[in-house]
Amino acid sequence: MLKIFTMALGAYQTNCYLVWQEGCKECLVIDPGYEAQTIAAQAEKRGLEIAGVLLTHGHFDHVGAVRELVMDRDIPVYLNAQDTAMPPQMTAGPLYYTDNYGDTVTLAGITFRVIPTPGHTPGSVCLLTENHLFSGDTLFRGSCGRTDLPGGNWQEMQASLKKLAALSPDTRVYPGHGAASLLADELEYNPYLKGAL
């Protein structure tokens, strides 16, 4: 059974997730934007070793703690390479990553389907495992990510939202900011998701 622990960290209250299989001693970290020591302490508190880092996009509030978190450790860090060309003011410095995504990524006994969802950034991705979708800044409860920042594109965002709308309605959505929700509720109440159909 998949276990998920959510931390809202930093000035932007960015959601960082620890994800692991029950009974497994390894976990993944999704979007460590801030407070590397807090993230490491929460993993240690649960008896977990960090086996990998998955990034939904390259903005500083989602990647800012990566270097400190993986320093002096052999931990893979996945990012869509399209986001490595973003302006430095959006990333707060050079982006650190070790691997580009393929169609899937498997770490710590968990396989994620990687869904390219450009719009917020050119390289934004959503990560789907079982019926759990980590949507980064593409889909929020009742909203979607901004497209007015460098690299943003409203037409691409609409196409990405349409792609997500085709997933199973019982998919649980874990966004980059704010509360989790069910895709069925987003399909009914989220004006941006409804507008993309």
N, C-alpha and C. Protein backbone atom coordinates (compact mmCIF):
# COMPACT_ATOMS: atom_id res chain seq x y z
N MET A 1 0.84 -1.18 0.00
CA MET A 1 0.00 0.00 0.00
C MET A 1 0.89 1.25 0.00
N LEU A 2 0.53 2.21 -0.83
CA LEU A 2 1.31 3.43 -0.95
C LEU A 2 1.06 4.34 0.24
N LYS A 3 2.13 4.89 0.79
CA LYS A 3 2.05 5.84 1.90
C LYS A 3 2.56 7.19 1.40
N ILE A 4 1.87 8.25 1.81
CA ILE A 4 2.23 9.60 1.38
C ILE A 4 2.21 10.52 2.58
N PHE A 5 3.28 11.26 2.77
CA PHE A 5 3.35 12.27 3.83
C PHE A 5 3.60 13.62 3.17
N THR A 6 2.74 14.59 3.50
CA THR A 6 2.80 15.91 2.89
C THR A 6 3.38 16.93 3.85
N MET A 7 4.29 17.76 3.33
CA MET A 7 4.84 18.89 4.09
C MET A 7 4.66 20.15 3.26
N ALA A 8 4.02 21.18 3.82
CA ALA A 8 3.93 22.48 3.15
C ALA A 8 5.07 23.33 3.70
N LEU A 9 6.04 23.65 2.83
CA LEU A 9 7.29 24.24 3.29
C LEU A 9 7.58 25.58 2.63
N GLY A 10 8.28 26.43 3.37
CA GLY A 10 8.80 27.67 2.82
C GLY A 10 7.79 28.77 2.67
N ALA A 11 8.27 29.89 2.14
CA ALA A 11 7.46 31.10 2.00
C ALA A 11 6.23 30.88 1.12
N TYR A 12 6.36 30.00 0.13
CA TYR A 12 5.24 29.75 -0.79
C TYR A 12 4.41 28.55 -0.37
N GLN A 13 4.72 27.97 0.79
CA GLN A 13 4.00 26.79 1.28
C GLN A 13 3.88 25.74 0.18
N THR A 14 5.01 25.43 -0.41
CA THR A 14 5.07 24.43 -1.47
C THR A 14 4.94 23.04 -0.87
N ASN A 15 4.07 22.24 -1.45
CA ASN A 15 3.91 20.86 -0.98
C ASN A 15 5.09 20.02 -1.42
N CYS A 16 5.73 19.41 -0.45
CA CYS A 16 6.78 18.42 -0.69
C CYS A 16 6.23 17.10 -0.16
N TYR A 17 6.45 16.04 -0.92
CA TYR A 17 5.87 14.75 -0.55
C TYR A 17 6.95 13.70 -0.32
N LEU A 18 6.79 12.94 0.77
CA LEU A 18 7.51 11.69 0.94
C LEU A 18 6.56 10.59 0.48
N VAL A 19 7.04 9.70 -0.37
CA VAL A 19 6.20 8.63 -0.92
C VAL A 19 6.94 7.31 -0.76
N TRP A 20 6.26 6.30 -0.21
CA TRP A 20 6.90 5.00 -0.03
C TRP A 20 5.84 3.90 0.02
N GLN A 21 6.31 2.68 -0.21
CA GLN A 21 5.44 1.51 -0.07
C GLN A 21 5.48 1.05 1.38
N GLU A 22 4.32 0.74 1.92
CA GLU A 22 4.27 0.25 3.29
C GLU A 22 5.17 -0.97 3.43
N GLY A 23 5.98 -0.98 4.47
CA GLY A 23 6.90 -2.09 4.70
C GLY A 23 8.25 -1.91 4.03
N CYS A 24 8.38 -0.92 3.16
CA CYS A 24 9.64 -0.63 2.49
C CYS A 24 10.42 0.40 3.31
N LYS A 25 11.73 0.31 3.28
CA LYS A 25 12.57 1.24 4.04
C LYS A 25 13.12 2.37 3.18
N GLU A 26 12.69 2.43 1.91
CA GLU A 26 13.13 3.50 1.03
C GLU A 26 11.95 4.37 0.65
N CYS A 27 12.22 5.66 0.46
CA CYS A 27 11.16 6.58 0.03
C CYS A 27 11.67 7.47 -1.09
N LEU A 28 10.73 8.13 -1.74
CA LEU A 28 11.04 9.15 -2.74
C LEU A 28 10.60 10.49 -2.20
N VAL A 29 11.27 11.53 -2.65
CA VAL A 29 10.89 12.90 -2.30
C VAL A 29 10.44 13.58 -3.58
N ILE A 30 9.25 14.15 -3.56
CA ILE A 30 8.73 14.89 -4.71
C ILE A 30 8.73 16.37 -4.36
N ASP A 31 9.40 17.16 -5.19
CA ASP A 31 9.44 18.63 -5.10
C ASP A 31 9.96 19.18 -3.77
N PRO A 32 11.23 18.90 -3.45
CA PRO A 32 11.82 19.48 -2.24
C PRO A 32 12.25 20.93 -2.49
N GLY A 33 11.35 21.85 -2.26
CA GLY A 33 11.62 23.26 -2.55
C GLY A 33 12.37 23.98 -1.46
N TYR A 34 12.11 23.62 -0.23
CA TYR A 34 12.68 24.31 0.93
C TYR A 34 12.99 23.30 2.03
N GLU A 35 13.79 23.74 3.00
CA GLU A 35 13.96 23.04 4.28
C GLU A 35 14.43 21.60 4.14
N ALA A 36 15.59 21.43 3.52
CA ALA A 36 16.14 20.09 3.33
C ALA A 36 16.27 19.33 4.65
N GLN A 37 16.65 20.04 5.72
CA GLN A 37 16.81 19.36 7.01
C GLN A 37 15.48 18.83 7.54
N THR A 38 14.41 19.60 7.33
CA THR A 38 13.08 19.15 7.75
C THR A 38 12.68 17.89 6.98
N ILE A 39 12.91 17.90 5.68
CA ILE A 39 12.56 16.76 4.84
C ILE A 39 13.33 15.51 5.28
N ALA A 40 14.64 15.67 5.46
CA ALA A 40 15.47 14.54 5.89
C ALA A 40 15.04 14.03 7.26
N ALA A 41 14.69 14.95 8.16
CA ALA A 41 14.27 14.55 9.51
C ALA A 41 12.95 13.78 9.47
N GLN A 42 12.02 14.19 8.60
CA GLN A 42 10.74 13.49 8.49
C GLN A 42 10.93 12.08 7.92
N ALA A 43 11.85 11.94 6.97
CA ALA A 43 12.14 10.60 6.44
C ALA A 43 12.76 9.73 7.54
N GLU A 44 13.73 10.29 8.25
CA GLU A 44 14.41 9.54 9.31
C GLU A 44 13.44 9.14 10.42
N LYS A 45 12.52 10.04 10.76
CA LYS A 45 11.52 9.77 11.80
C LYS A 45 10.68 8.53 11.46
N ARG A 46 10.49 8.29 10.17
CA ARG A 46 9.69 7.15 9.71
C ARG A 46 10.56 5.93 9.39
N GLY A 47 11.86 6.04 9.67
CA GLY A 47 12.78 4.93 9.39
C GLY A 47 13.04 4.73 7.92
N LEU A 48 13.00 5.81 7.13
CA LEU A 48 13.12 5.72 5.68
C LEU A 48 14.43 6.33 5.19
N GLU A 49 15.00 5.69 4.18
CA GLU A 49 16.15 6.23 3.46
C GLU A 49 15.64 6.85 2.16
N ILE A 50 16.14 8.01 1.82
CA ILE A 50 15.73 8.67 0.57
C ILE A 50 16.44 7.99 -0.59
N ALA A 51 15.65 7.44 -1.53
CA ALA A 51 16.20 6.68 -2.66
C ALA A 51 16.16 7.47 -3.96
N GLY A 52 15.46 8.59 -3.99
CA GLY A 52 15.39 9.38 -5.21
C GLY A 52 14.57 10.63 -5.01
N VAL A 53 14.79 11.59 -5.92
CA VAL A 53 14.05 12.86 -5.91
C VAL A 53 13.40 13.03 -7.27
N LEU A 54 12.11 13.32 -7.27
CA LEU A 54 11.35 13.56 -8.50
C LEU A 54 10.87 15.00 -8.49
N LEU A 55 11.11 15.73 -9.58
CA LEU A 55 10.73 17.14 -9.67
C LEU A 55 9.66 17.31 -10.73
N THR A 56 8.58 17.99 -10.38
CA THR A 56 7.51 18.22 -11.35
C THR A 56 7.84 19.34 -12.32
N HIS A 57 8.69 20.28 -11.90
CA HIS A 57 9.17 21.35 -12.78
C HIS A 57 10.32 22.06 -12.09
N GLY A 58 10.92 23.03 -12.79
CA GLY A 58 12.16 23.60 -12.31
C GLY A 58 12.09 24.89 -11.53
N HIS A 59 10.92 25.36 -11.14
CA HIS A 59 10.85 26.61 -10.38
C HIS A 59 11.49 26.46 -9.00
N PHE A 60 12.07 27.56 -8.52
CA PHE A 60 12.86 27.53 -7.28
C PHE A 60 12.09 26.99 -6.09
N ASP A 61 10.79 27.25 -6.03
CA ASP A 61 10.04 26.80 -4.85
C ASP A 61 9.77 25.29 -4.87
N HIS A 62 10.17 24.62 -5.94
CA HIS A 62 10.02 23.16 -6.02
C HIS A 62 11.37 22.44 -6.05
N VAL A 63 12.45 23.18 -6.27
CA VAL A 63 13.77 22.54 -6.41
C VAL A 63 14.82 23.07 -5.44
N GLY A 64 14.47 24.09 -4.66
CA GLY A 64 15.46 24.82 -3.87
C GLY A 64 16.24 24.01 -2.85
N ALA A 65 15.69 22.90 -2.37
CA ALA A 65 16.38 22.11 -1.34
C ALA A 65 17.09 20.88 -1.92
N VAL A 66 17.08 20.73 -3.24
CA VAL A 66 17.64 19.51 -3.84
C VAL A 66 19.11 19.33 -3.50
N ARG A 67 19.91 20.34 -3.77
CA ARG A 67 21.36 20.17 -3.57
C ARG A 67 21.70 19.76 -2.14
N GLU A 68 21.11 20.46 -1.17
CA GLU A 68 21.41 20.14 0.22
C GLU A 68 20.90 18.75 0.59
N LEU A 69 19.76 18.37 0.03
CA LEU A 69 19.17 17.07 0.36
C LEU A 69 20.01 15.90 -0.14
N VAL A 70 20.60 16.05 -1.33
CA VAL A 70 21.33 14.93 -1.93
C VAL A 70 22.84 15.07 -1.80
N MET A 71 23.31 16.15 -1.16
CA MET A 71 24.74 16.41 -1.03
C MET A 71 25.48 15.19 -0.49
N ASP A 72 26.56 14.83 -1.20
CA ASP A 72 27.43 13.72 -0.79
C ASP A 72 26.70 12.38 -0.75
N ARG A 73 25.60 12.25 -1.46
CA ARG A 73 24.90 10.96 -1.52
C ARG A 73 24.67 10.62 -2.98
N ASP A 74 24.60 9.35 -3.26
CA ASP A 74 24.36 8.88 -4.63
C ASP A 74 22.86 8.69 -4.82
N ILE A 75 22.15 9.81 -4.96
CA ILE A 75 20.69 9.79 -5.07
C ILE A 75 20.29 10.37 -6.42
N PRO A 76 19.54 9.62 -7.24
CA PRO A 76 19.12 10.17 -8.53
C PRO A 76 18.09 11.28 -8.35
N VAL A 77 18.20 12.29 -9.20
CA VAL A 77 17.28 13.43 -9.20
C VAL A 77 16.73 13.56 -10.61
N TYR A 78 15.41 13.42 -10.76
CA TYR A 78 14.78 13.46 -12.07
C TYR A 78 14.10 14.79 -12.32
N LEU A 79 14.33 15.33 -13.52
CA LEU A 79 13.71 16.58 -13.98
C LEU A 79 13.57 16.49 -15.49
N ASN A 80 12.48 16.99 -16.03
CA ASN A 80 12.35 17.09 -17.47
C ASN A 80 13.38 18.10 -17.96
N ALA A 81 14.27 17.67 -18.85
CA ALA A 81 15.38 18.51 -19.29
C ALA A 81 14.92 19.81 -19.94
N GLN A 82 13.68 19.88 -20.41
CA GLN A 82 13.19 21.13 -21.01
C GLN A 82 13.19 22.28 -20.01
N ASP A 83 13.14 21.97 -18.73
CA ASP A 83 13.12 23.03 -17.73
C ASP A 83 14.51 23.52 -17.34
N THR A 84 15.55 22.92 -17.88
CA THR A 84 16.90 23.36 -17.53
C THR A 84 17.27 24.67 -18.22
N ALA A 85 16.51 25.07 -19.22
CA ALA A 85 16.81 26.31 -19.95
C ALA A 85 16.06 27.51 -19.40
N MET A 86 15.39 27.37 -18.27
CA MET A 86 14.63 28.49 -17.70
C MET A 86 15.55 29.60 -17.23
N PRO A 87 15.05 30.85 -17.23
CA PRO A 87 15.86 31.97 -16.73
C PRO A 87 16.25 31.76 -15.27
N PRO A 88 17.47 32.18 -14.89
CA PRO A 88 17.95 31.96 -13.51
C PRO A 88 17.04 32.55 -12.44
N GLN A 89 16.32 33.65 -12.74
CA GLN A 89 15.45 34.23 -11.71
C GLN A 89 14.28 33.31 -11.36
N MET A 90 13.97 32.35 -12.23
CA MET A 90 12.88 31.41 -11.95
C MET A 90 13.38 30.17 -11.21
N THR A 91 14.68 29.93 -11.26
CA THR A 91 15.23 28.71 -10.66
C THR A 91 16.10 29.00 -9.44
N ALA A 92 16.42 30.27 -9.21
CA ALA A 92 17.30 30.68 -8.09
C ALA A 92 18.68 30.04 -8.21
N GLY A 93 19.15 29.87 -9.43
CA GLY A 93 20.49 29.32 -9.65
C GLY A 93 20.45 28.12 -10.58
N PRO A 94 21.62 27.57 -10.89
CA PRO A 94 21.66 26.42 -11.79
C PRO A 94 20.86 25.24 -11.22
N LEU A 95 20.12 24.58 -12.09
CA LEU A 95 19.32 23.44 -11.66
C LEU A 95 20.21 22.20 -11.53
N TYR A 96 20.04 21.49 -10.45
CA TYR A 96 20.78 20.25 -10.26
C TYR A 96 19.86 19.08 -10.55
N TYR A 97 20.26 18.24 -11.48
CA TYR A 97 19.52 17.00 -11.70
C TYR A 97 20.48 15.99 -12.32
N THR A 98 20.18 14.73 -12.17
CA THR A 98 21.05 13.68 -12.70
C THR A 98 20.42 12.93 -13.87
N ASP A 99 19.10 12.95 -13.97
CA ASP A 99 18.42 12.14 -14.98
C ASP A 99 17.24 12.89 -15.59
N ASN A 100 17.04 12.66 -16.90
CA ASN A 100 15.84 13.15 -17.58
C ASN A 100 14.78 12.04 -17.48
N TYR A 101 13.52 12.44 -17.48
CA TYR A 101 12.44 11.45 -17.42
C TYR A 101 12.28 10.70 -18.73
N GLY A 102 11.88 9.44 -18.62
CA GLY A 102 11.36 8.69 -19.75
C GLY A 102 9.84 8.63 -19.59
N ASP A 103 9.20 7.62 -20.18
CA ASP A 103 7.74 7.47 -20.04
C ASP A 103 7.36 7.02 -18.63
N THR A 104 8.26 6.28 -18.00
CA THR A 104 8.05 5.84 -16.61
C THR A 104 9.36 5.98 -15.86
N VAL A 105 9.24 6.00 -14.55
CA VAL A 105 10.42 5.95 -13.68
C VAL A 105 10.08 5.05 -12.50
N THR A 106 11.00 4.14 -12.17
CA THR A 106 10.78 3.22 -11.06
C THR A 106 11.91 3.38 -10.05
N LEU A 107 11.53 3.71 -8.82
CA LEU A 107 12.47 3.85 -7.72
C LEU A 107 11.77 3.39 -6.44
N ALA A 108 12.52 2.83 -5.51
CA ALA A 108 11.98 2.42 -4.20
C ALA A 108 10.75 1.53 -4.35
N GLY A 109 10.73 0.71 -5.40
CA GLY A 109 9.62 -0.20 -5.61
C GLY A 109 8.34 0.44 -6.11
N ILE A 110 8.42 1.70 -6.56
CA ILE A 110 7.24 2.42 -7.04
C ILE A 110 7.48 2.83 -8.49
N THR A 111 6.53 2.52 -9.36
CA THR A 111 6.62 2.94 -10.75
C THR A 111 5.65 4.08 -11.00
N PHE A 112 6.18 5.17 -11.52
CA PHE A 112 5.38 6.34 -11.87
C PHE A 112 5.27 6.43 -13.39
N ARG A 113 4.08 6.69 -13.86
CA ARG A 113 3.90 7.10 -15.26
C ARG A 113 4.18 8.60 -15.30
N VAL A 114 5.04 9.02 -16.21
CA VAL A 114 5.41 10.42 -16.34
C VAL A 114 4.56 11.04 -17.44
N ILE A 115 3.74 12.02 -17.07
CA ILE A 115 2.82 12.66 -18.01
C ILE A 115 3.32 14.07 -18.29
N PRO A 116 3.83 14.34 -19.50
CA PRO A 116 4.26 15.71 -19.82
C PRO A 116 3.04 16.65 -19.80
N THR A 117 3.16 17.73 -19.02
CA THR A 117 2.05 18.68 -18.90
C THR A 117 2.58 20.11 -19.00
N PRO A 118 3.11 20.50 -20.16
CA PRO A 118 3.60 21.86 -20.31
C PRO A 118 2.47 22.87 -20.15
N GLY A 119 2.85 24.08 -19.85
CA GLY A 119 1.87 25.16 -19.65
C GLY A 119 2.35 26.10 -18.57
N HIS A 120 2.59 25.57 -17.38
CA HIS A 120 3.17 26.37 -16.30
C HIS A 120 4.65 26.62 -16.60
N THR A 121 5.34 25.57 -17.02
CA THR A 121 6.70 25.66 -17.56
C THR A 121 6.75 24.72 -18.76
N PRO A 122 7.74 24.89 -19.64
CA PRO A 122 7.83 23.99 -20.81
C PRO A 122 8.04 22.53 -20.43
N GLY A 123 8.72 22.28 -19.30
CA GLY A 123 9.03 20.91 -18.92
C GLY A 123 8.21 20.35 -17.78
N SER A 124 7.11 20.99 -17.44
CA SER A 124 6.27 20.48 -16.35
C SER A 124 5.82 19.05 -16.63
N VAL A 125 5.81 18.23 -15.58
CA VAL A 125 5.28 16.87 -15.68
C VAL A 125 4.37 16.61 -14.48
N CYS A 126 3.45 15.68 -14.66
CA CYS A 126 2.68 15.12 -13.55
C CYS A 126 3.11 13.66 -13.41
N LEU A 127 3.07 13.17 -12.19
CA LEU A 127 3.55 11.83 -11.89
C LEU A 127 2.39 10.99 -11.35
N LEU A 128 2.09 9.88 -12.03
CA LEU A 128 0.94 9.04 -11.68
C LEU A 128 1.41 7.67 -11.24
N THR A 129 0.99 7.25 -10.06
CA THR A 129 1.22 5.89 -9.61
C THR A 129 -0.05 5.39 -8.94
N GLU A 130 -0.45 4.17 -9.31
CA GLU A 130 -1.74 3.65 -8.87
C GLU A 130 -2.77 4.74 -9.19
N ASN A 131 -3.57 5.19 -8.25
CA ASN A 131 -4.52 6.28 -8.53
C ASN A 131 -4.12 7.54 -7.78
N HIS A 132 -2.83 7.82 -7.74
CA HIS A 132 -2.30 9.00 -7.07
C HIS A 132 -1.56 9.84 -8.11
N LEU A 133 -1.99 11.08 -8.29
CA LEU A 133 -1.39 11.99 -9.26
C LEU A 133 -0.72 13.15 -8.52
N PHE A 134 0.58 13.28 -8.72
CA PHE A 134 1.33 14.41 -8.18
C PHE A 134 1.41 15.44 -9.31
N SER A 135 0.62 16.51 -9.15
CA SER A 135 0.36 17.41 -10.27
C SER A 135 1.21 18.67 -10.31
N GLY A 136 2.13 18.83 -9.35
CA GLY A 136 2.97 20.02 -9.38
C GLY A 136 2.14 21.28 -9.45
N ASP A 137 2.54 22.20 -10.33
CA ASP A 137 1.78 23.44 -10.50
C ASP A 137 0.93 23.42 -11.76
N THR A 138 0.54 22.21 -12.21
CA THR A 138 -0.37 22.10 -13.35
C THR A 138 -1.82 22.16 -12.88
N LEU A 139 -2.19 21.34 -11.92
CA LEU A 139 -3.57 21.27 -11.46
C LEU A 139 -3.62 21.45 -9.95
N PHE A 140 -4.44 22.41 -9.52
CA PHE A 140 -4.68 22.66 -8.10
C PHE A 140 -6.14 22.37 -7.79
N ARG A 141 -6.47 22.29 -6.52
CA ARG A 141 -7.86 22.19 -6.11
C ARG A 141 -8.57 23.48 -6.53
N GLY A 142 -9.49 23.35 -7.48
CA GLY A 142 -10.28 24.49 -7.94
C GLY A 142 -9.56 25.45 -8.87
N SER A 143 -8.34 25.13 -9.30
CA SER A 143 -7.59 26.07 -10.12
C SER A 143 -6.53 25.33 -10.94
N CYS A 144 -5.67 26.10 -11.59
CA CYS A 144 -4.54 25.54 -12.32
C CYS A 144 -3.36 26.49 -12.17
N GLY A 145 -2.20 26.06 -12.64
CA GLY A 145 -1.00 26.86 -12.50
C GLY A 145 -0.99 28.10 -13.37
N ARG A 146 -0.19 29.06 -12.95
CA ARG A 146 -0.03 30.31 -13.71
C ARG A 146 0.65 30.03 -15.04
N THR A 147 0.27 30.83 -16.04
CA THR A 147 0.93 30.73 -17.34
C THR A 147 1.53 32.07 -17.76
N ASP A 148 1.53 33.04 -16.84
CA ASP A 148 2.05 34.37 -17.17
C ASP A 148 3.52 34.55 -16.78
N LEU A 149 4.15 33.50 -16.29
CA LEU A 149 5.58 33.55 -15.95
C LEU A 149 6.40 33.15 -17.18
N PRO A 150 7.71 33.47 -17.20
CA PRO A 150 8.53 33.07 -18.35
C PRO A 150 8.42 31.57 -18.63
N GLY A 151 8.16 31.23 -19.89
CA GLY A 151 8.01 29.83 -20.28
C GLY A 151 6.58 29.31 -20.18
N GLY A 152 5.69 30.10 -19.58
CA GLY A 152 4.30 29.68 -19.47
C GLY A 152 3.56 29.83 -20.79
N ASN A 153 2.53 29.01 -20.99
CA ASN A 153 1.79 29.04 -22.24
C ASN A 153 0.36 28.55 -21.98
N TRP A 154 -0.62 29.43 -22.16
CA TRP A 154 -2.00 29.10 -21.84
C TRP A 154 -2.56 27.97 -22.72
N GLN A 155 -2.23 27.99 -24.01
CA GLN A 155 -2.74 26.94 -24.91
C GLN A 155 -2.19 25.57 -24.49
N GLU A 156 -0.91 25.54 -24.13
CA GLU A 156 -0.33 24.27 -23.67
C GLU A 156 -0.96 23.83 -22.35
N MET A 157 -1.24 24.79 -21.47
CA MET A 157 -1.90 24.44 -20.20
C MET A 157 -3.26 23.80 -20.46
N GLN A 158 -4.03 24.38 -21.37
CA GLN A 158 -5.35 23.81 -21.68
C GLN A 158 -5.23 22.38 -22.21
N ALA A 159 -4.25 22.15 -23.08
CA ALA A 159 -4.04 20.80 -23.62
C ALA A 159 -3.62 19.84 -22.50
N SER A 160 -2.80 20.31 -21.58
CA SER A 160 -2.36 19.47 -20.45
C SER A 160 -3.51 19.14 -19.53
N LEU A 161 -4.36 20.12 -19.25
CA LEU A 161 -5.52 19.87 -18.39
C LEU A 161 -6.47 18.87 -19.05
N LYS A 162 -6.63 18.98 -20.35
CA LYS A 162 -7.49 18.03 -21.07
C LYS A 162 -6.94 16.61 -20.93
N LYS A 163 -5.62 16.48 -20.99
CA LYS A 163 -4.96 15.18 -20.82
C LYS A 163 -5.26 14.61 -19.43
N LEU A 164 -5.17 15.46 -18.40
CA LEU A 164 -5.43 15.01 -17.03
C LEU A 164 -6.90 14.66 -16.83
N ALA A 165 -7.78 15.37 -17.51
CA ALA A 165 -9.22 15.11 -17.38
C ALA A 165 -9.59 13.71 -17.85
N ALA A 166 -8.75 13.10 -18.68
CA ALA A 166 -9.03 11.76 -19.21
C ALA A 166 -8.64 10.65 -18.23
N LEU A 167 -7.98 11.00 -17.13
CA LEU A 167 -7.60 9.99 -16.14
C LEU A 167 -8.84 9.52 -15.37
N SER A 168 -8.69 8.44 -14.64
CA SER A 168 -9.80 7.89 -13.85
C SER A 168 -10.30 8.93 -12.85
N PRO A 169 -11.63 9.12 -12.75
CA PRO A 169 -12.19 10.11 -11.83
C PRO A 169 -11.85 9.85 -10.36
N ASP A 170 -11.50 8.60 -10.02
CA ASP A 170 -11.16 8.33 -8.62
C ASP A 170 -9.68 8.57 -8.32
N THR A 171 -8.98 9.22 -9.25
CA THR A 171 -7.58 9.59 -9.03
C THR A 171 -7.50 10.68 -7.96
N ARG A 172 -6.62 10.47 -7.01
CA ARG A 172 -6.38 11.47 -5.95
C ARG A 172 -5.30 12.42 -6.45
N VAL A 173 -5.57 13.72 -6.38
CA VAL A 173 -4.65 14.74 -6.90
C VAL A 173 -3.90 15.38 -5.74
N TYR A 174 -2.57 15.32 -5.82
CA TYR A 174 -1.68 15.93 -4.83
C TYR A 174 -0.94 17.08 -5.51
N PRO A 175 -1.39 18.33 -5.29
CA PRO A 175 -0.84 19.46 -6.03
C PRO A 175 0.43 20.03 -5.41
N GLY A 176 1.05 20.96 -6.14
CA GLY A 176 2.24 21.64 -5.65
C GLY A 176 1.96 22.63 -4.54
N HIS A 177 0.74 23.09 -4.45
CA HIS A 177 0.33 24.03 -3.40
C HIS A 177 -1.13 23.73 -3.04
N GLY A 178 -1.48 23.86 -1.78
CA GLY A 178 -2.86 23.69 -1.36
C GLY A 178 -3.22 22.24 -1.07
N ALA A 179 -4.52 22.04 -0.86
CA ALA A 179 -5.02 20.74 -0.41
C ALA A 179 -5.16 19.74 -1.56
N ALA A 180 -5.09 18.47 -1.20
CA ALA A 180 -5.34 17.39 -2.15
C ALA A 180 -6.84 17.34 -2.47
N SER A 181 -7.17 16.67 -3.57
CA SER A 181 -8.57 16.55 -3.97
C SER A 181 -8.75 15.30 -4.82
N LEU A 182 -9.98 15.01 -5.17
CA LEU A 182 -10.29 13.92 -6.10
C LEU A 182 -10.49 14.50 -7.49
N LEU A 183 -10.02 13.80 -8.50
CA LEU A 183 -10.20 14.28 -9.87
C LEU A 183 -11.68 14.42 -10.20
N ALA A 184 -12.52 13.53 -9.68
CA ALA A 184 -13.97 13.63 -9.92
C ALA A 184 -14.50 14.99 -9.47
N ASP A 185 -14.03 15.48 -8.32
CA ASP A 185 -14.47 16.79 -7.84
C ASP A 185 -13.93 17.91 -8.71
N GLU A 186 -12.69 17.76 -9.17
CA GLU A 186 -12.13 18.78 -10.06
C GLU A 186 -12.90 18.84 -11.37
N LEU A 187 -13.28 17.68 -11.88
CA LEU A 187 -14.05 17.64 -13.13
C LEU A 187 -15.40 18.33 -12.98
N GLU A 188 -15.94 18.28 -11.77
CA GLU A 188 -17.25 18.90 -11.53
C GLU A 188 -17.15 20.38 -11.18
N TYR A 189 -16.13 20.76 -10.40
CA TYR A 189 -16.11 22.11 -9.83
C TYR A 189 -14.98 23.02 -10.31
N ASN A 190 -13.93 22.47 -10.89
CA ASN A 190 -12.78 23.29 -11.28
C ASN A 190 -13.05 23.93 -12.64
N PRO A 191 -13.22 25.26 -12.69
CA PRO A 191 -13.58 25.91 -13.96
C PRO A 191 -12.50 25.78 -15.03
N TYR A 192 -11.25 25.68 -14.63
CA TYR A 192 -10.16 25.57 -15.61
C TYR A 192 -10.14 24.18 -16.23
N LEU A 193 -10.35 23.16 -15.42
CA LEU A 193 -10.39 21.80 -15.94
C LEU A 193 -11.62 21.61 -16.83
N LYS A 194 -12.75 22.11 -16.37
CA LYS A 194 -13.99 22.02 -17.17
C LYS A 194 -13.84 22.79 -18.48
N GLY A 195 -13.18 23.94 -18.41
CA GLY A 195 -13.00 24.78 -19.59
C GLY A 195 -12.08 24.17 -20.63
N ALA A 196 -11.24 23.24 -20.21
CA ALA A 196 -10.30 22.61 -21.14
C ALA A 196 -10.94 21.48 -21.93
N LEU A 197 -12.13 21.05 -21.52
CA LEU A 197 -12.79 19.92 -22.19
C LEU A 197 -13.51 20.34 -23.46
